[in-house]
Amino acid sequence: MSKIDRRIRNVTKRGADPFAESGLAPEESRRYQPESQALINETLAPKEPLTGEHSPLGSEHQNPIGSRIKD
């Protein structure tokens, strides 16, 4: 079984520029910041549950008795 290296070598502080810390030039770092922040915001955004028309069941689904239920 091979060993997995799990040692943390660098932690970027909040508000710091991870691209600059990685050695990128300031203008290149600024170019990547907006896209990176957008991806972070999208990942951290609360996810809405799939309901209604976006549900795999649709906006109407059947209850176990057989009558239709409207959302």
N, C-alpha and C. Protein backbone atom coordinates (compact mmCIF):
# COMPACT_ATOMS: atom_id res chain seq x y z
N MET A 1 0.85 -1.18 0.00
CA MET A 1 0.00 0.00 0.00
C MET A 1 0.90 1.24 0.00
N SER A 2 0.64 2.16 -0.90
CA SER A 2 1.46 3.37 -0.97
C SER A 2 0.99 4.41 0.04
N LYS A 3 1.92 5.21 0.49
CA LYS A 3 1.59 6.27 1.44
C LYS A 3 1.09 7.49 0.67
N ILE A 4 0.09 8.14 1.22
CA ILE A 4 -0.44 9.36 0.63
C ILE A 4 0.09 10.54 1.44
N ASP A 5 0.67 11.50 0.75
CA ASP A 5 1.21 12.69 1.40
C ASP A 5 0.06 13.64 1.70
N ARG A 6 -0.24 13.85 2.96
CA ARG A 6 -1.35 14.71 3.36
C ARG A 6 -0.89 15.93 4.14
N ARG A 7 0.37 16.20 4.09
CA ARG A 7 0.92 17.34 4.83
C ARG A 7 0.51 18.66 4.17
N ILE A 8 0.05 19.60 4.97
CA ILE A 8 -0.32 20.93 4.46
C ILE A 8 0.93 21.78 4.43
N ARG A 9 1.21 22.36 3.28
CA ARG A 9 2.43 23.14 3.12
C ARG A 9 2.18 24.66 3.12
N ASN A 10 1.01 25.05 2.67
CA ASN A 10 0.73 26.48 2.59
C ASN A 10 -0.76 26.71 2.79
N VAL A 11 -1.09 27.70 3.57
CA VAL A 11 -2.48 28.10 3.76
C VAL A 11 -2.57 29.58 3.44
N THR A 12 -3.38 29.92 2.45
CA THR A 12 -3.56 31.32 2.07
C THR A 12 -4.52 31.96 3.05
N LYS A 13 -4.13 33.07 3.63
CA LYS A 13 -4.98 33.77 4.58
C LYS A 13 -6.15 34.44 3.86
N ARG A 14 -7.23 34.60 4.59
CA ARG A 14 -8.42 35.25 4.04
C ARG A 14 -8.05 36.64 3.53
N GLY A 15 -8.49 36.94 2.31
CA GLY A 15 -8.23 38.25 1.72
C GLY A 15 -6.91 38.32 0.97
N ALA A 16 -6.06 37.31 1.13
CA ALA A 16 -4.78 37.30 0.43
C ALA A 16 -4.98 36.86 -1.02
N ASP A 17 -3.98 37.05 -1.82
CA ASP A 17 -4.05 36.70 -3.24
C ASP A 17 -3.32 35.38 -3.47
N PRO A 18 -4.08 34.28 -3.65
CA PRO A 18 -3.43 32.98 -3.82
C PRO A 18 -2.61 32.89 -5.11
N PHE A 19 -3.00 33.65 -6.12
CA PHE A 19 -2.27 33.62 -7.39
C PHE A 19 -0.91 34.30 -7.24
N ALA A 20 -0.89 35.40 -6.53
CA ALA A 20 0.39 36.08 -6.29
C ALA A 20 1.28 35.21 -5.41
N GLU A 21 0.69 34.54 -4.42
CA GLU A 21 1.46 33.65 -3.56
C GLU A 21 2.05 32.49 -4.36
N SER A 22 1.39 32.14 -5.45
CA SER A 22 1.88 31.05 -6.31
C SER A 22 2.96 31.50 -7.28
N GLY A 23 3.24 32.81 -7.27
CA GLY A 23 4.31 33.32 -8.11
C GLY A 23 3.88 33.96 -9.41
N LEU A 24 2.59 34.14 -9.61
CA LEU A 24 2.14 34.81 -10.83
C LEU A 24 2.40 36.31 -10.75
N ALA A 25 2.61 36.91 -11.92
CA ALA A 25 2.80 38.36 -11.99
C ALA A 25 1.51 39.05 -11.55
N PRO A 26 1.60 40.26 -10.99
CA PRO A 26 0.40 40.96 -10.50
C PRO A 26 -0.70 41.11 -11.55
N GLU A 27 -0.33 41.45 -12.80
CA GLU A 27 -1.38 41.62 -13.82
C GLU A 27 -2.05 40.29 -14.17
N GLU A 28 -1.29 39.22 -14.15
CA GLU A 28 -1.86 37.90 -14.42
C GLU A 28 -2.74 37.47 -13.25
N SER A 29 -2.31 37.75 -12.06
CA SER A 29 -3.08 37.43 -10.86
C SER A 29 -4.42 38.15 -10.88
N ARG A 30 -4.42 39.44 -11.23
CA ARG A 30 -5.67 40.22 -11.30
C ARG A 30 -6.61 39.66 -12.36
N ARG A 31 -6.07 39.09 -13.40
CA ARG A 31 -6.89 38.53 -14.48
C ARG A 31 -7.67 37.31 -13.99
N TYR A 32 -7.07 36.51 -13.12
CA TYR A 32 -7.73 35.29 -12.64
C TYR A 32 -8.66 35.51 -11.45
N GLN A 33 -8.51 36.61 -10.75
CA GLN A 33 -9.30 36.84 -9.53
C GLN A 33 -10.82 36.80 -9.74
N PRO A 34 -11.39 37.54 -10.70
CA PRO A 34 -12.86 37.56 -10.83
C PRO A 34 -13.46 36.17 -11.10
N GLU A 35 -12.86 35.42 -12.00
CA GLU A 35 -13.38 34.09 -12.31
C GLU A 35 -13.27 33.17 -11.10
N SER A 36 -12.16 33.26 -10.41
CA SER A 36 -11.95 32.44 -9.23
C SER A 36 -12.98 32.76 -8.16
N GLN A 37 -13.21 34.04 -7.91
CA GLN A 37 -14.17 34.45 -6.89
C GLN A 37 -15.58 34.02 -7.27
N ALA A 38 -15.92 34.11 -8.56
CA ALA A 38 -17.24 33.68 -9.01
C ALA A 38 -17.44 32.18 -8.75
N LEU A 39 -16.42 31.38 -9.02
CA LEU A 39 -16.51 29.94 -8.75
C LEU A 39 -16.65 29.65 -7.27
N ILE A 40 -15.92 30.39 -6.45
CA ILE A 40 -16.02 30.22 -4.99
C ILE A 40 -17.43 30.57 -4.53
N ASN A 41 -17.95 31.70 -4.98
CA ASN A 41 -19.29 32.13 -4.58
C ASN A 41 -20.35 31.12 -5.01
N GLU A 42 -20.21 30.58 -6.21
CA GLU A 42 -21.16 29.59 -6.71
C GLU A 42 -21.11 28.32 -5.87
N THR A 43 -19.92 27.92 -5.49
CA THR A 43 -19.76 26.71 -4.68
C THR A 43 -20.33 26.90 -3.28
N LEU A 44 -20.17 28.07 -2.71
CA LEU A 44 -20.62 28.33 -1.34
C LEU A 44 -22.09 28.74 -1.25
N ALA A 45 -22.70 29.08 -2.38
CA ALA A 45 -24.10 29.53 -2.37
C ALA A 45 -25.01 28.40 -1.90
N PRO A 46 -26.02 28.76 -1.09
CA PRO A 46 -26.95 27.72 -0.66
C PRO A 46 -27.69 27.14 -1.86
N LYS A 47 -27.85 25.86 -1.87
CA LYS A 47 -28.52 25.19 -2.97
C LYS A 47 -30.00 25.05 -2.63
N GLU A 48 -30.86 25.40 -3.59
CA GLU A 48 -32.29 25.25 -3.38
C GLU A 48 -32.67 23.80 -3.67
N PRO A 49 -33.56 23.25 -2.86
CA PRO A 49 -33.98 21.88 -3.12
C PRO A 49 -34.74 21.80 -4.45
N LEU A 50 -34.64 20.67 -5.09
CA LEU A 50 -35.37 20.49 -6.35
C LEU A 50 -36.83 20.25 -6.05
N THR A 51 -37.65 21.26 -6.34
CA THR A 51 -39.08 21.15 -6.14
C THR A 51 -39.79 21.75 -7.33
N GLY A 52 -41.07 21.52 -7.39
CA GLY A 52 -41.86 22.12 -8.45
C GLY A 52 -41.46 21.61 -9.82
N GLU A 53 -41.41 22.51 -10.79
CA GLU A 53 -41.15 22.10 -12.17
C GLU A 53 -39.75 21.56 -12.37
N HIS A 54 -38.82 21.84 -11.45
CA HIS A 54 -37.45 21.35 -11.58
C HIS A 54 -37.27 19.98 -10.94
N SER A 55 -38.31 19.51 -10.27
CA SER A 55 -38.24 18.22 -9.62
C SER A 55 -38.29 17.10 -10.65
N PRO A 56 -37.61 15.99 -10.39
CA PRO A 56 -37.73 14.85 -11.30
C PRO A 56 -39.17 14.36 -11.39
N LEU A 57 -39.98 14.70 -10.39
CA LEU A 57 -41.38 14.28 -10.41
C LEU A 57 -42.27 15.28 -11.13
N GLY A 58 -41.76 16.45 -11.47
CA GLY A 58 -42.55 17.48 -12.12
C GLY A 58 -43.30 18.31 -11.11
N SER A 59 -44.13 19.23 -11.61
CA SER A 59 -44.85 20.10 -10.70
C SER A 59 -46.04 19.39 -10.06
N GLU A 60 -46.46 18.29 -10.66
CA GLU A 60 -47.51 17.47 -10.06
C GLU A 60 -46.94 16.07 -9.89
N HIS A 61 -47.28 15.44 -8.83
CA HIS A 61 -46.87 14.05 -8.66
C HIS A 61 -47.98 13.30 -7.94
N GLN A 62 -47.97 12.00 -8.04
CA GLN A 62 -49.01 11.19 -7.45
C GLN A 62 -48.66 10.79 -6.03
N ASN A 63 -49.66 10.85 -5.17
CA ASN A 63 -49.45 10.32 -3.83
C ASN A 63 -49.71 8.82 -3.87
N PRO A 64 -49.39 8.08 -2.83
CA PRO A 64 -49.53 6.63 -2.87
C PRO A 64 -50.96 6.14 -3.09
N ILE A 65 -51.96 6.95 -2.77
CA ILE A 65 -53.36 6.54 -2.92
C ILE A 65 -53.79 6.67 -4.38
N GLY A 66 -53.14 7.51 -5.14
CA GLY A 66 -53.45 7.61 -6.56
C GLY A 66 -53.98 8.95 -7.00
N SER A 67 -54.43 9.81 -6.07
CA SER A 67 -54.90 11.12 -6.49
C SER A 67 -53.72 12.04 -6.76
N ARG A 68 -53.93 13.05 -7.57
CA ARG A 68 -52.86 13.96 -7.93
C ARG A 68 -52.66 14.99 -6.83
N ILE A 69 -51.40 15.37 -6.62
CA ILE A 69 -51.06 16.42 -5.66
C ILE A 69 -50.45 17.55 -6.44
N LYS A 70 -50.94 18.76 -6.23
CA LYS A 70 -50.41 19.93 -6.91
C LYS A 70 -49.48 20.64 -5.94
N ASP A 71 -48.26 21.01 -6.41
CA ASP A 71 -47.32 21.75 -5.56
C ASP A 71 -47.76 23.17 -5.36
